[in-house]
Amino acid sequence: MSEPDRKADPKLLEILVCPLTKGPLRYDAAAQELISERAGLAYPIRDGIPIMLADEARSLEDDAPGS
């Protein structure tokens, strides 16, 4: 199997918002992350479960050129 055994539930992803900004999230299937552009954070999805904790999120500044 080339895909992970557990995928995030699409219906769940539709209703989730960023816990910090309450803004929309973009699903990045390749990275298994939920991206909050407003907060500049990427929340991981582990075993199909979104981890919606700022402490667990990756800063999008890490992806910025020159960082």
PDB file of N, CA and C in Angstrom:
ATOM      1  N   MET A   1       0.825  -1.182   0.000  1.00  0.00           N
ATOM      2  CA  MET A   1       0.000   0.000   0.000  1.00  0.00           C
ATOM      3  C   MET A   1       0.873   1.251   0.000  1.00  0.00           C
ATOM      4  N   SER A   2       0.671   2.133  -0.962  1.00  0.00           N
ATOM      5  CA  SER A   2       1.521   3.316  -1.035  1.00  0.00           C
ATOM      6  C   SER A   2       1.027   4.453  -0.151  1.00  0.00           C
ATOM      7  N   GLU A   3      -0.274   4.490   0.143  1.00  0.00           N
ATOM      8  CA  GLU A   3      -0.821   5.541   0.995  1.00  0.00           C
ATOM      9  C   GLU A   3      -0.850   5.083   2.443  1.00  0.00           C
ATOM     10  N   PRO A   4      -0.846   6.039   3.376  1.00  0.00           N
ATOM     11  CA  PRO A   4      -0.965   5.648   4.779  1.00  0.00           C
ATOM     12  C   PRO A   4      -2.287   4.918   5.006  1.00  0.00           C
ATOM     13  N   ASP A   5      -2.274   3.983   5.929  1.00  0.00           N
ATOM     14  CA  ASP A   5      -3.484   3.208   6.216  1.00  0.00           C
ATOM     15  C   ASP A   5      -4.599   4.089   6.763  1.00  0.00           C
ATOM     16  N   ARG A   6      -4.247   5.136   7.467  1.00  0.00           N
ATOM     17  CA  ARG A   6      -5.252   6.013   8.067  1.00  0.00           C
ATOM     18  C   ARG A   6      -5.180   7.385   7.424  1.00  0.00           C
ATOM     19  N   LYS A   7      -6.291   7.780   6.814  1.00  0.00           N
ATOM     20  CA  LYS A   7      -6.376   9.108   6.227  1.00  0.00           C
ATOM     21  C   LYS A   7      -7.296   9.953   7.083  1.00  0.00           C
ATOM     22  N   ALA A   8      -7.090  11.253   7.036  1.00  0.00           N
ATOM     23  CA  ALA A   8      -7.949  12.167   7.779  1.00  0.00           C
ATOM     24  C   ALA A   8      -9.355  12.133   7.163  1.00  0.00           C
ATOM     25  N   ASP A   9     -10.353  12.206   8.020  1.00  0.00           N
ATOM     26  CA  ASP A   9     -11.750  12.207   7.591  1.00  0.00           C
ATOM     27  C   ASP A   9     -12.065  13.524   6.890  1.00  0.00           C
ATOM     28  N   PRO A  10     -12.451  13.481   5.603  1.00  0.00           N
ATOM     29  CA  PRO A  10     -12.717  14.727   4.873  1.00  0.00           C
ATOM     30  C   PRO A  10     -13.813  15.582   5.512  1.00  0.00           C
ATOM     31  N   LYS A  11     -14.823  14.969   6.078  1.00  0.00           N
ATOM     32  CA  LYS A  11     -15.899  15.736   6.724  1.00  0.00           C
ATOM     33  C   LYS A  11     -15.377  16.468   7.959  1.00  0.00           C
ATOM     34  N   LEU A  12     -14.486  15.832   8.692  1.00  0.00           N
ATOM     35  CA  LEU A  12     -13.876  16.473   9.853  1.00  0.00           C
ATOM     36  C   LEU A  12     -13.029  17.658   9.420  1.00  0.00           C
ATOM     37  N   LEU A  13     -12.263  17.481   8.345  1.00  0.00           N
ATOM     38  CA  LEU A  13     -11.383  18.543   7.878  1.00  0.00           C
ATOM     39  C   LEU A  13     -12.178  19.773   7.441  1.00  0.00           C
ATOM     40  N   GLU A  14     -13.394  19.563   6.944  1.00  0.00           N
ATOM     41  CA  GLU A  14     -14.233  20.679   6.507  1.00  0.00           C
ATOM     42  C   GLU A  14     -14.660  21.577   7.660  1.00  0.00           C
ATOM     43  N   ILE A  15     -14.824  21.014   8.857  1.00  0.00           N
ATOM     44  CA  ILE A  15     -15.351  21.805   9.979  1.00  0.00           C
ATOM     45  C   ILE A  15     -14.271  22.333  10.915  1.00  0.00           C
ATOM     46  N   LEU A  16     -13.049  21.835  10.785  1.00  0.00           N
ATOM     47  CA  LEU A  16     -11.970  22.299  11.659  1.00  0.00           C
ATOM     48  C   LEU A  16     -11.525  23.711  11.291  1.00  0.00           C
ATOM     49  N   VAL A  17     -11.185  24.489  12.301  1.00  0.00           N
ATOM     50  CA  VAL A  17     -10.608  25.817  12.115  1.00  0.00           C
ATOM     51  C   VAL A  17      -9.362  25.907  12.986  1.00  0.00           C
ATOM     52  N   CYS A  18      -8.538  26.891  12.708  1.00  0.00           N
ATOM     53  CA  CYS A  18      -7.338  27.110  13.511  1.00  0.00           C
ATOM     54  C   CYS A  18      -7.752  27.465  14.935  1.00  0.00           C
ATOM     55  N   PRO A  19      -7.192  26.795  15.942  1.00  0.00           N
ATOM     56  CA  PRO A  19      -7.559  27.099  17.327  1.00  0.00           C
ATOM     57  C   PRO A  19      -7.099  28.484  17.790  1.00  0.00           C
ATOM     58  N   LEU A  20      -6.123  29.059  17.129  1.00  0.00           N
ATOM     59  CA  LEU A  20      -5.629  30.389  17.520  1.00  0.00           C
ATOM     60  C   LEU A  20      -6.408  31.521  16.849  1.00  0.00           C
ATOM     61  N   THR A  21      -6.629  31.397  15.533  1.00  0.00           N
ATOM     62  CA  THR A  21      -7.251  32.491  14.780  1.00  0.00           C
ATOM     63  C   THR A  21      -8.723  32.244  14.482  1.00  0.00           C
ATOM     64  N   LYS A  22      -9.160  31.011  14.646  1.00  0.00           N
ATOM     65  CA  LYS A  22     -10.517  30.585  14.261  1.00  0.00           C
ATOM     66  C   LYS A  22     -10.726  30.719  12.751  1.00  0.00           C
ATOM     67  N   GLY A  23      -9.617  30.833  12.024  1.00  0.00           N
ATOM     68  CA  GLY A  23      -9.667  30.968  10.573  1.00  0.00           C
ATOM     69  C   GLY A  23      -9.625  29.611   9.882  1.00  0.00           C
ATOM     70  N   PRO A  24      -9.764  29.632   8.557  1.00  0.00           N
ATOM     71  CA  PRO A  24      -9.796  28.390   7.773  1.00  0.00           C
ATOM     72  C   PRO A  24      -8.437  27.700   7.736  1.00  0.00           C
ATOM     73  N   LEU A  25      -8.493  26.402   7.470  1.00  0.00           N
ATOM     74  CA  LEU A  25      -7.294  25.587   7.343  1.00  0.00           C
ATOM     75  C   LEU A  25      -7.246  24.991   5.944  1.00  0.00           C
ATOM     76  N   ARG A  26      -6.043  24.848   5.415  1.00  0.00           N
ATOM     77  CA  ARG A  26      -5.846  24.202   4.118  1.00  0.00           C
ATOM     78  C   ARG A  26      -5.203  22.843   4.378  1.00  0.00           C
ATOM     79  N   TYR A  27      -5.781  21.809   3.772  1.00  0.00           N
ATOM     80  CA  TYR A  27      -5.272  20.447   3.953  1.00  0.00           C
ATOM     81  C   TYR A  27      -4.149  20.182   2.961  1.00  0.00           C
ATOM     82  N   ASP A  28      -2.992  19.816   3.469  1.00  0.00           N
ATOM     83  CA  ASP A  28      -1.856  19.415   2.643  1.00  0.00           C
ATOM     84  C   ASP A  28      -1.724  17.901   2.779  1.00  0.00           C
ATOM     85  N   ALA A  29      -2.281  17.187   1.797  1.00  0.00           N
ATOM     86  CA  ALA A  29      -2.307  15.723   1.865  1.00  0.00           C
ATOM     87  C   ALA A  29      -0.909  15.126   1.806  1.00  0.00           C
ATOM     88  N   ALA A  30      -0.027  15.711   1.020  1.00  0.00           N
ATOM     89  CA  ALA A  30       1.325  15.165   0.872  1.00  0.00           C
ATOM     90  C   ALA A  30       2.091  15.227   2.185  1.00  0.00           C
ATOM     91  N   ALA A  31       1.957  16.344   2.900  1.00  0.00           N
ATOM     92  CA  ALA A  31       2.680  16.524   4.162  1.00  0.00           C
ATOM     93  C   ALA A  31       1.879  16.040   5.365  1.00  0.00           C
ATOM     94  N   GLN A  32       0.597  15.689   5.139  1.00  0.00           N
ATOM     95  CA  GLN A  32      -0.296  15.305   6.231  1.00  0.00           C
ATOM     96  C   GLN A  32      -0.320  16.394   7.296  1.00  0.00           C
ATOM     97  N   GLU A  33      -0.692  17.610   6.852  1.00  0.00           N
ATOM     98  CA  GLU A  33      -0.769  18.759   7.740  1.00  0.00           C
ATOM     99  C   GLU A  33      -1.998  19.600   7.392  1.00  0.00           C
ATOM    100  N   LEU A  34      -2.459  20.350   8.376  1.00  0.00           N
ATOM    101  CA  LEU A  34      -3.470  21.372   8.182  1.00  0.00           C
ATOM    102  C   LEU A  34      -2.777  22.713   8.338  1.00  0.00           C
ATOM    103  N   ILE A  35      -2.854  23.536   7.317  1.00  0.00           N
ATOM    104  CA  ILE A  35      -2.116  24.792   7.259  1.00  0.00           C
ATOM    105  C   ILE A  35      -3.019  25.959   7.630  1.00  0.00           C
ATOM    106  N   SER A  36      -2.589  26.753   8.585  1.00  0.00           N
ATOM    107  CA  SER A  36      -3.247  28.008   8.937  1.00  0.00           C
ATOM    108  C   SER A  36      -2.364  29.137   8.439  1.00  0.00           C
ATOM    109  N   GLU A  37      -2.754  29.747   7.314  1.00  0.00           N
ATOM    110  CA  GLU A  37      -1.969  30.849   6.745  1.00  0.00           C
ATOM    111  C   GLU A  37      -1.951  32.028   7.712  1.00  0.00           C
ATOM    112  N   ARG A  38      -3.083  32.319   8.349  1.00  0.00           N
ATOM    113  CA  ARG A  38      -3.178  33.467   9.263  1.00  0.00           C
ATOM    114  C   ARG A  38      -2.235  33.320  10.450  1.00  0.00           C
ATOM    115  N   ALA A  39      -2.189  32.136  11.037  1.00  0.00           N
ATOM    116  CA  ALA A  39      -1.342  31.910  12.215  1.00  0.00           C
ATOM    117  C   ALA A  39       0.097  31.583  11.822  1.00  0.00           C
ATOM    118  N   GLY A  40       0.298  31.215  10.557  1.00  0.00           N
ATOM    119  CA  GLY A  40       1.641  30.838  10.124  1.00  0.00           C
ATOM    120  C   GLY A  40       2.071  29.504  10.696  1.00  0.00           C
ATOM    121  N   LEU A  41       1.093  28.598  10.892  1.00  0.00           N
ATOM    122  CA  LEU A  41       1.369  27.296  11.499  1.00  0.00           C
ATOM    123  C   LEU A  41       0.847  26.157  10.647  1.00  0.00           C
ATOM    124  N   ALA A  42       1.498  25.017  10.769  1.00  0.00           N
ATOM    125  CA  ALA A  42       1.070  23.787  10.124  1.00  0.00           C
ATOM    126  C   ALA A  42       0.833  22.746  11.213  1.00  0.00           C
ATOM    127  N   TYR A  43      -0.422  22.344  11.368  1.00  0.00           N
ATOM    128  CA  TYR A  43      -0.784  21.355  12.384  1.00  0.00           C
ATOM    129  C   TYR A  43      -0.639  19.949  11.796  1.00  0.00           C
ATOM    130  N   PRO A  44       0.060  19.054  12.483  1.00  0.00           N
ATOM    131  CA  PRO A  44       0.265  17.706  11.939  1.00  0.00           C
ATOM    132  C   PRO A  44      -0.995  16.844  12.036  1.00  0.00           C
ATOM    133  N   ILE A  45      -1.059  15.873  11.134  1.00  0.00           N
ATOM    134  CA  ILE A  45      -2.097  14.842  11.199  1.00  0.00           C
ATOM    135  C   ILE A  45      -1.363  13.533  11.415  1.00  0.00           C
ATOM    136  N   ARG A  46      -1.636  12.893  12.549  1.00  0.00           N
ATOM    137  CA  ARG A  46      -0.957  11.640  12.894  1.00  0.00           C
ATOM    138  C   ARG A  46      -1.970  10.525  12.994  1.00  0.00           C
ATOM    139  N   ASP A  47      -1.732   9.461  12.252  1.00  0.00           N
ATOM    140  CA  ASP A  47      -2.642   8.309  12.230  1.00  0.00           C
ATOM    141  C   ASP A  47      -4.074   8.743  11.943  1.00  0.00           C
ATOM    142  N   GLY A  48      -4.225   9.730  11.054  1.00  0.00           N
ATOM    143  CA  GLY A  48      -5.545  10.190  10.658  1.00  0.00           C
ATOM    144  C   GLY A  48      -6.187  11.167  11.623  1.00  0.00           C
ATOM    145  N   ILE A  49      -5.472  11.563  12.685  1.00  0.00           N
ATOM    146  CA  ILE A  49      -6.022  12.451  13.711  1.00  0.00           C
ATOM    147  C   ILE A  49      -5.297  13.791  13.668  1.00  0.00           C
ATOM    148  N   PRO A  50      -6.032  14.884  13.368  1.00  0.00           N
ATOM    149  CA  PRO A  50      -5.401  16.206  13.400  1.00  0.00           C
ATOM    150  C   PRO A  50      -5.009  16.587  14.829  1.00  0.00           C
ATOM    151  N   ILE A  51      -3.785  17.020  15.008  1.00  0.00           N
ATOM    152  CA  ILE A  51      -3.281  17.448  16.314  1.00  0.00           C
ATOM    153  C   ILE A  51      -3.369  18.976  16.341  1.00  0.00           C
ATOM    154  N   MET A  52      -4.435  19.497  16.946  1.00  0.00           N
ATOM    155  CA  MET A  52      -4.752  20.919  16.882  1.00  0.00           C
ATOM    156  C   MET A  52      -4.204  21.671  18.099  1.00  0.00           C
ATOM    157  N   LEU A  53      -2.935  21.467  18.381  1.00  0.00           N
ATOM    158  CA  LEU A  53      -2.261  22.137  19.493  1.00  0.00           C
ATOM    159  C   LEU A  53      -1.139  23.003  18.936  1.00  0.00           C
ATOM    160  N   ALA A  54      -1.125  24.267  19.323  1.00  0.00           N
ATOM    161  CA  ALA A  54      -0.095  25.179  18.828  1.00  0.00           C
ATOM    162  C   ALA A  54       1.305  24.676  19.184  1.00  0.00           C
ATOM    163  N   ASP A  55       1.440  24.031  20.336  1.00  0.00           N
ATOM    164  CA  ASP A  55       2.741  23.503  20.761  1.00  0.00           C
ATOM    165  C   ASP A  55       3.249  22.395  19.840  1.00  0.00           C
ATOM    166  N   GLU A  56       2.336  21.721  19.157  1.00  0.00           N
ATOM    167  CA  GLU A  56       2.704  20.623  18.263  1.00  0.00           C
ATOM    168  C   GLU A  56       2.853  21.091  16.815  1.00  0.00           C
ATOM    169  N   ALA A  57       2.414  22.314  16.527  1.00  0.00           N
ATOM    170  CA  ALA A  57       2.419  22.823  15.160  1.00  0.00           C
ATOM    171  C   ALA A  57       3.822  23.255  14.739  1.00  0.00           C
ATOM    172  N   ARG A  58       4.043  23.200  13.438  1.00  0.00           N
ATOM    173  CA  ARG A  58       5.301  23.626  12.826  1.00  0.00           C
ATOM    174  C   ARG A  58       5.107  25.043  12.297  1.00  0.00           C
ATOM    175  N   SER A  59       6.070  25.904  12.512  1.00  0.00           N
ATOM    176  CA  SER A  59       6.001  27.269  12.008  1.00  0.00           C
ATOM    177  C   SER A  59       6.222  27.276  10.506  1.00  0.00           C
ATOM    178  N   LEU A  60       5.367  28.005   9.778  1.00  0.00           N
ATOM    179  CA  LEU A  60       5.547  28.122   8.329  1.00  0.00           C
ATOM    180  C   LEU A  60       6.756  28.984   7.985  1.00  0.00           C
ATOM    181  N   GLU A  61       7.248  29.748   8.945  1.00  0.00           N
ATOM    182  CA  GLU A  61       8.459  30.547   8.714  1.00  0.00           C
ATOM    183  C   GLU A  61       9.661  29.646   8.426  1.00  0.00           C
ATOM    184  N   ASP A  62       9.585  28.394   8.892  1.00  0.00           N
ATOM    185  CA  ASP A  62      10.667  27.438   8.625  1.00  0.00           C
ATOM    186  C   ASP A  62      10.807  27.169   7.137  1.00  0.00           C
ATOM    187  N   ASP A  63       9.687  27.359   6.385  1.00  0.00           N
ATOM    188  CA  ASP A  63       9.686  27.110   4.942  1.00  0.00           C
ATOM    189  C   ASP A  63      10.106  28.335   4.146  1.00  0.00           C
ATOM    190  N   ALA A  64      10.142  29.496   4.782  1.00  0.00           N
ATOM    191  CA  ALA A  64      10.417  30.744   4.076  1.00  0.00           C
ATOM    192  C   ALA A  64      11.862  30.775   3.601  1.00  0.00           C
ATOM    193  N   PRO A  65      12.083  31.330   2.404  1.00  0.00           N
ATOM    194  CA  PRO A  65      13.451  31.453   1.922  1.00  0.00           C
ATOM    195  C   PRO A  65      14.294  32.324   2.861  1.00  0.00           C
ATOM    196  N   GLY A  66      15.501  31.904   3.116  1.00  0.00           N
ATOM    197  CA  GLY A  66      16.405  32.670   3.948  1.00  0.00           C
ATOM    198  C   GLY A  66      16.210  32.458   5.439  1.00  0.00           C
ATOM    199  N   SER A  67      15.365  31.485   5.812  1.00  0.00           N
ATOM    200  CA  SER A  67      15.165  31.256   7.255  1.00  0.00           C
ATOM    201  C   SER A  67      16.044  30.143   7.761  1.00  0.00           C
TER     202      SER A  67
END
